[in-house]
Protein backbone atom coordinates (compact mmCIF):
# COMPACT_ATOMS: atom_id res chain seq x y z
CA MET A 1 29.24 9.33 2.64
CA PRO A 2 26.47 6.92 3.15
CA LEU A 3 23.29 8.12 4.81
CA GLU A 4 22.12 6.75 8.14
CA ALA A 5 19.84 3.68 7.46
CA GLY A 6 17.43 5.29 10.04
CA LEU A 7 17.12 8.29 7.97
CA LEU A 8 16.81 6.48 4.73
CA GLU A 9 13.82 4.48 6.17
CA ILE A 10 11.74 7.52 6.65
CA LEU A 11 12.62 9.40 3.50
CA ALA A 12 10.11 9.05 0.55
CA CYS A 13 9.96 10.51 -3.02
CA PRO A 14 8.36 13.90 -3.04
CA ALA A 15 6.59 13.47 -6.22
CA CYS A 16 4.99 9.98 -5.56
CA HIS A 17 5.66 9.23 -2.06
CA ALA A 18 7.60 5.62 -3.09
CA PRO A 19 10.55 4.74 -0.77
CA LEU A 20 14.02 5.95 -1.80
CA ARG A 21 17.22 3.96 -2.11
CA GLU A 22 20.96 5.16 -1.98
CA GLU A 23 23.08 4.67 -4.71
CA GLY A 24 26.35 6.55 -4.85
CA ASP A 25 25.69 10.25 -4.09
CA GLU A 26 22.04 10.00 -5.30
CA LEU A 27 18.78 8.65 -3.89
CA LEU A 28 16.76 6.77 -6.50
CA CYS A 29 12.93 6.79 -6.50
CA THR A 30 11.84 2.94 -6.54
CA SER A 31 8.72 3.45 -8.28
CA GLU A 32 10.31 3.25 -11.83
CA ALA A 33 6.82 2.86 -13.24
CA GLU A 34 5.30 6.00 -11.74
CA CYS A 35 8.29 8.56 -11.63
CA GLY A 36 11.89 7.06 -11.15
CA LEU A 37 13.40 10.59 -10.41
CA VAL A 38 16.94 10.62 -9.07
CA TYR A 39 17.61 13.21 -6.19
CA PRO A 40 21.20 14.38 -5.56
CA VAL A 41 22.90 14.29 -2.20
CA ARG A 42 25.20 17.30 -1.75
CA ASP A 43 27.53 17.29 1.41
CA GLY A 44 25.73 14.59 2.93
CA ILE A 45 22.29 16.28 2.54
CA PRO A 46 19.60 14.92 0.44
CA VAL A 47 18.24 17.54 -1.92
CA LEU A 48 14.30 16.28 -2.32
CA LEU A 49 13.09 19.10 -4.54
CA VAL A 50 11.58 17.89 -7.53
CA ASP A 51 13.03 20.78 -9.62
CA GLU A 52 16.51 19.57 -8.71
CA ALA A 53 15.59 15.95 -9.48
CA ARG A 54 16.55 14.27 -12.95
CA ARG A 55 15.16 11.38 -14.81
CA PRO A 56 17.36 8.50 -15.28
CA ALA A 57 19.09 8.16 -18.84
C-alpha cells in the first residue's frame, strides 16, 4: 500500500536528514553517499528507527 504523497514529502532520513523515496514496502534514503539506509514500512506505517534500518546489499 503506497504512502500518501504529502506524507512522503515531509519524511526524512533520521540518520542524515535526506529525503526518502518509496520503493515497494520500504523507504530508501536518497543520500547514498552519506548513509543510504533502507527503512521498512510495516502495515502502512514507516518504521524510521535507525536500529530497524538496513544497509542495501
